[in-house]
Amino acid sequence: MYSLTVCDHIMIAHSFQGEEFGPAQRMHGATFAVEAEFRAPSLDHHQLLVDIGLAKTELRRVLDTVDYSNLDENPLLTGINTTTEYMGFHIHKLLAAACVEGRLGHGGRAVTCLKILLREAPTAWAAFEGPLNQESA
């Protein structure tokens, strides 16, 4: 299996519902380093998995939907605890759609698996990994 990873980052604000979240029930901010790892069993005729420039552009486009925003006010995330784990799933869903729709070129349509890893700190991170047709968490 081949893989190609691109990285970027986001800054968000959010709050959580539930006593188990303690002080994180209050509004707080987070900065995430985001890694998107594209996987496919073969390369194209140019020996590429996906065009790295297109991968970076599409990751940024997806991240722009949440960057510098209050996730509690995002209609797509209403009523959801936007944990690091959940945000990995959310970003996966949007970036998988970009692959399927051809926004990463021919190579993007050949991607069979995508892993999104969010690093909240050097000592803590979470990820979501799955096929491109993943429908729900």
C-alpha atoms as a PDB file:
ATOM      1  CA  MET A   1       0.000   0.000   0.000  1.00  0.00           C
ATOM      2  CA  TYR A   2       1.358   3.408  -0.987  1.00  0.00           C
ATOM      3  CA  SER A   3       0.726   6.521   1.064  1.00  0.00           C
ATOM      4  CA  LEU A   4       1.182  10.263   0.732  1.00  0.00           C
ATOM      5  CA  THR A   5       0.665  12.701   3.589  1.00  0.00           C
ATOM      6  CA  VAL A   6       0.101  16.457   3.576  1.00  0.00           C
ATOM      7  CA  CYS A   7      -0.189  18.675   6.651  1.00  0.00           C
ATOM      8  CA  ASP A   8      -1.742  21.984   7.669  1.00  0.00           C
ATOM      9  CA  HIS A   9      -3.301  23.431  10.821  1.00  0.00           C
ATOM     10  CA  ILE A  10      -6.486  25.019  12.165  1.00  0.00           C
ATOM     11  CA  MET A  11      -7.470  27.175  15.118  1.00  0.00           C
ATOM     12  CA  ILE A  12     -10.987  26.711  16.477  1.00  0.00           C
ATOM     13  CA  ALA A  13     -13.203  27.559  19.447  1.00  0.00           C
ATOM     14  CA  HIS A  14     -15.825  25.206  20.878  1.00  0.00           C
ATOM     15  CA  SER A  15     -17.448  23.866  24.031  1.00  0.00           C
ATOM     16  CA  PHE A  16     -18.573  20.382  25.027  1.00  0.00           C
ATOM     17  CA  GLN A  17     -21.808  19.060  26.513  1.00  0.00           C
ATOM     18  CA  GLY A  18     -21.581  16.576  29.374  1.00  0.00           C
ATOM     19  CA  GLU A  19     -20.230  16.543  32.904  1.00  0.00           C
ATOM     20  CA  GLU A  20     -17.383  14.227  31.898  1.00  0.00           C
ATOM     21  CA  PHE A  21     -15.824  17.157  30.026  1.00  0.00           C
ATOM     22  CA  GLY A  22     -15.363  19.207  33.205  1.00  0.00           C
ATOM     23  CA  PRO A  23     -14.058  22.714  32.456  1.00  0.00           C
ATOM     24  CA  ALA A  24     -14.120  22.004  28.692  1.00  0.00           C
ATOM     25  CA  GLN A  25     -17.893  22.517  28.903  1.00  0.00           C
ATOM     26  CA  ARG A  26     -17.016  26.209  28.799  1.00  0.00           C
ATOM     27  CA  MET A  27     -15.940  27.894  25.574  1.00  0.00           C
ATOM     28  CA  HIS A  28     -12.266  27.227  24.871  1.00  0.00           C
ATOM     29  CA  GLY A  29      -9.881  27.223  21.949  1.00  0.00           C
ATOM     30  CA  ALA A  30      -7.722  24.598  20.312  1.00  0.00           C
ATOM     31  CA  THR A  31      -5.043  24.555  17.663  1.00  0.00           C
ATOM     32  CA  PHE A  32      -4.714  21.347  15.668  1.00  0.00           C
ATOM     33  CA  ALA A  33      -1.946  20.225  13.365  1.00  0.00           C
ATOM     34  CA  VAL A  34      -3.848  18.215  10.736  1.00  0.00           C
ATOM     35  CA  GLU A  35      -2.297  15.392   8.709  1.00  0.00           C
ATOM     36  CA  ALA A  36      -4.113  13.809   5.784  1.00  0.00           C
ATOM     37  CA  GLU A  37      -2.674  10.475   4.657  1.00  0.00           C
ATOM     38  CA  PHE A  38      -3.940   9.193   1.308  1.00  0.00           C
ATOM     39  CA  ARG A  39      -3.490   5.470   0.574  1.00  0.00           C
ATOM     40  CA  ALA A  40      -3.808   3.385  -2.587  1.00  0.00           C
ATOM     41  CA  PRO A  41      -2.577  -0.060  -3.637  1.00  0.00           C
ATOM     42  CA  SER A  42      -0.901   1.263  -6.805  1.00  0.00           C
ATOM     43  CA  LEU A  43       0.526   4.369  -8.438  1.00  0.00           C
ATOM     44  CA  ASP A  44      -0.653   6.007 -11.642  1.00  0.00           C
ATOM     45  CA  HIS A  45       1.259   5.963 -14.939  1.00  0.00           C
ATOM     46  CA  HIS A  46       3.407   8.897 -13.667  1.00  0.00           C
ATOM     47  CA  GLN A  47       4.277   6.900 -10.524  1.00  0.00           C
ATOM     48  CA  LEU A  48       2.144   9.229  -8.365  1.00  0.00           C
ATOM     49  CA  LEU A  49      -0.465   8.379  -5.772  1.00  0.00           C
ATOM     50  CA  VAL A  50      -2.034  11.856  -5.844  1.00  0.00           C
ATOM     51  CA  ASP A  51      -0.702  15.217  -6.922  1.00  0.00           C
ATOM     52  CA  ILE A  52       0.794  16.692  -3.738  1.00  0.00           C
ATOM     53  CA  GLY A  53      -0.187  20.236  -4.768  1.00  0.00           C
ATOM     54  CA  LEU A  54      -3.823  19.262  -5.288  1.00  0.00           C
ATOM     55  CA  ALA A  55      -3.787  17.351  -1.989  1.00  0.00           C
ATOM     56  CA  LYS A  56      -2.508  20.406  -0.120  1.00  0.00           C
ATOM     57  CA  THR A  57      -5.022  22.678  -1.863  1.00  0.00           C
ATOM     58  CA  GLU A  58      -7.992  20.435  -1.068  1.00  0.00           C
ATOM     59  CA  LEU A  59      -6.920  19.911   2.542  1.00  0.00           C
ATOM     60  CA  ARG A  60      -6.723  23.691   2.969  1.00  0.00           C
ATOM     61  CA  ARG A  61     -10.132  24.141   1.299  1.00  0.00           C
ATOM     62  CA  VAL A  62     -11.675  21.627   3.724  1.00  0.00           C
ATOM     63  CA  LEU A  63      -9.942  23.181   6.735  1.00  0.00           C
ATOM     64  CA  ASP A  64     -11.130  26.646   5.726  1.00  0.00           C
ATOM     65  CA  THR A  65     -14.686  25.499   6.534  1.00  0.00           C
ATOM     66  CA  VAL A  66     -13.758  25.375  10.252  1.00  0.00           C
ATOM     67  CA  ASP A  67     -10.555  27.419  10.666  1.00  0.00           C
ATOM     68  CA  TYR A  68     -10.786  30.491  12.906  1.00  0.00           C
ATOM     69  CA  SER A  69     -14.391  29.721  13.787  1.00  0.00           C
ATOM     70  CA  ASN A  70     -16.596  28.786  16.708  1.00  0.00           C
ATOM     71  CA  LEU A  71     -17.647  25.212  15.924  1.00  0.00           C
ATOM     72  CA  ASP A  72     -20.675  25.594  18.218  1.00  0.00           C
ATOM     73  CA  GLU A  73     -22.079  28.008  15.600  1.00  0.00           C
ATOM     74  CA  ASN A  74     -21.387  25.815  12.545  1.00  0.00           C
ATOM     75  CA  PRO A  75     -24.707  24.427  11.201  1.00  0.00           C
ATOM     76  CA  LEU A  76     -23.006  21.171  10.124  1.00  0.00           C
ATOM     77  CA  LEU A  77     -21.820  20.582  13.705  1.00  0.00           C
ATOM     78  CA  THR A  78     -24.838  21.745  15.739  1.00  0.00           C
ATOM     79  CA  GLY A  79     -25.403  19.609  18.822  1.00  0.00           C
ATOM     80  CA  ILE A  80     -22.236  17.538  18.284  1.00  0.00           C
ATOM     81  CA  ASN A  81     -19.347  17.380  20.723  1.00  0.00           C
ATOM     82  CA  THR A  82     -16.565  18.409  18.352  1.00  0.00           C
ATOM     83  CA  THR A  83     -13.900  16.351  20.086  1.00  0.00           C
ATOM     84  CA  THR A  84     -10.553  15.817  18.433  1.00  0.00           C
ATOM     85  CA  GLU A  85     -11.729  12.334  17.445  1.00  0.00           C
ATOM     86  CA  TYR A  86     -14.950  13.629  15.901  1.00  0.00           C
ATOM     87  CA  MET A  87     -13.168  16.386  14.001  1.00  0.00           C
ATOM     88  CA  GLY A  88     -10.941  13.711  12.460  1.00  0.00           C
ATOM     89  CA  PHE A  89     -14.094  12.003  11.169  1.00  0.00           C
ATOM     90  CA  HIS A  90     -15.612  15.290   9.955  1.00  0.00           C
ATOM     91  CA  ILE A  91     -12.497  16.287   8.012  1.00  0.00           C
ATOM     92  CA  HIS A  92     -12.227  12.733   6.629  1.00  0.00           C
ATOM     93  CA  LYS A  93     -15.767  12.945   5.273  1.00  0.00           C
ATOM     94  CA  LEU A  94     -15.116  16.253   3.482  1.00  0.00           C
ATOM     95  CA  LEU A  95     -11.733  15.259   2.069  1.00  0.00           C
ATOM     96  CA  ALA A  96     -13.007  11.835   0.980  1.00  0.00           C
ATOM     97  CA  ALA A  97     -15.738  13.625  -0.993  1.00  0.00           C
ATOM     98  CA  ALA A  98     -13.064  15.738  -2.707  1.00  0.00           C
ATOM     99  CA  CYS A  99     -11.295  12.533  -3.797  1.00  0.00           C
ATOM    100  CA  VAL A 100     -14.464  10.862  -5.061  1.00  0.00           C
ATOM    101  CA  GLU A 101     -15.580  14.022  -6.897  1.00  0.00           C
ATOM    102  CA  GLY A 102     -12.237  14.235  -8.721  1.00  0.00           C
ATOM    103  CA  ARG A 103     -10.894  17.424  -7.103  1.00  0.00           C
ATOM    104  CA  LEU A 104      -7.570  15.618  -6.498  1.00  0.00           C
ATOM    105  CA  GLY A 105      -7.366  14.521 -10.118  1.00  0.00           C
ATOM    106  CA  HIS A 106      -7.335  10.974 -11.440  1.00  0.00           C
ATOM    107  CA  GLY A 107      -5.113   9.785  -8.572  1.00  0.00           C
ATOM    108  CA  GLY A 108      -7.618  10.982  -6.002  1.00  0.00           C
ATOM    109  CA  ARG A 109     -10.267   8.706  -7.452  1.00  0.00           C
ATOM    110  CA  ALA A 110      -7.884   5.745  -6.986  1.00  0.00           C
ATOM    111  CA  VAL A 111      -7.405   6.424  -3.260  1.00  0.00           C
ATOM    112  CA  THR A 112      -8.916   3.562  -1.258  1.00  0.00           C
ATOM    113  CA  CYS A 113      -8.231   4.727   2.302  1.00  0.00           C
ATOM    114  CA  LEU A 114      -7.753   8.057   4.015  1.00  0.00           C
ATOM    115  CA  LYS A 115      -6.406   8.739   7.503  1.00  0.00           C
ATOM    116  CA  ILE A 116      -6.893  12.101   9.194  1.00  0.00           C
ATOM    117  CA  LEU A 117      -4.733  12.731  12.257  1.00  0.00           C
ATOM    118  CA  LEU A 118      -5.182  15.805  14.473  1.00  0.00           C
ATOM    119  CA  ARG A 119      -2.374  16.716  16.870  1.00  0.00           C
ATOM    120  CA  GLU A 120      -3.692  18.825  19.720  1.00  0.00           C
ATOM    121  CA  ALA A 121      -0.357  18.832  21.550  1.00  0.00           C
ATOM    122  CA  PRO A 122       3.023  17.126  21.165  1.00  0.00           C
ATOM    123  CA  THR A 123       1.770  14.550  23.675  1.00  0.00           C
ATOM    124  CA  ALA A 124      -1.847  14.079  22.544  1.00  0.00           C
ATOM    125  CA  TRP A 125      -3.512  13.320  19.202  1.00  0.00           C
ATOM    126  CA  ALA A 126      -6.415  11.437  17.679  1.00  0.00           C
ATOM    127  CA  ALA A 127      -7.211  10.075  14.234  1.00  0.00           C
ATOM    128  CA  PHE A 128      -9.959   8.716  12.038  1.00  0.00           C
ATOM    129  CA  GLU A 129      -9.107   6.236   9.304  1.00  0.00           C
ATOM    130  CA  GLY A 130     -11.421   4.591   6.848  1.00  0.00           C
ATOM    131  CA  PRO A 131     -12.428   3.935   3.265  1.00  0.00           C
ATOM    132  CA  LEU A 132     -13.649   6.832   1.160  1.00  0.00           C
ATOM    133  CA  ASN A 133     -17.266   5.692   1.298  1.00  0.00           C
ATOM    134  CA  GLN A 134     -17.464   6.053   5.099  1.00  0.00           C
ATOM    135  CA  GLU A 135     -20.992   7.276   5.903  1.00  0.00           C
ATOM    136  CA  SER A 136     -21.141   7.810   9.653  1.00  0.00           C
ATOM    137  CA  ALA A 137     -19.153   7.701  12.858  1.00  0.00           C
END
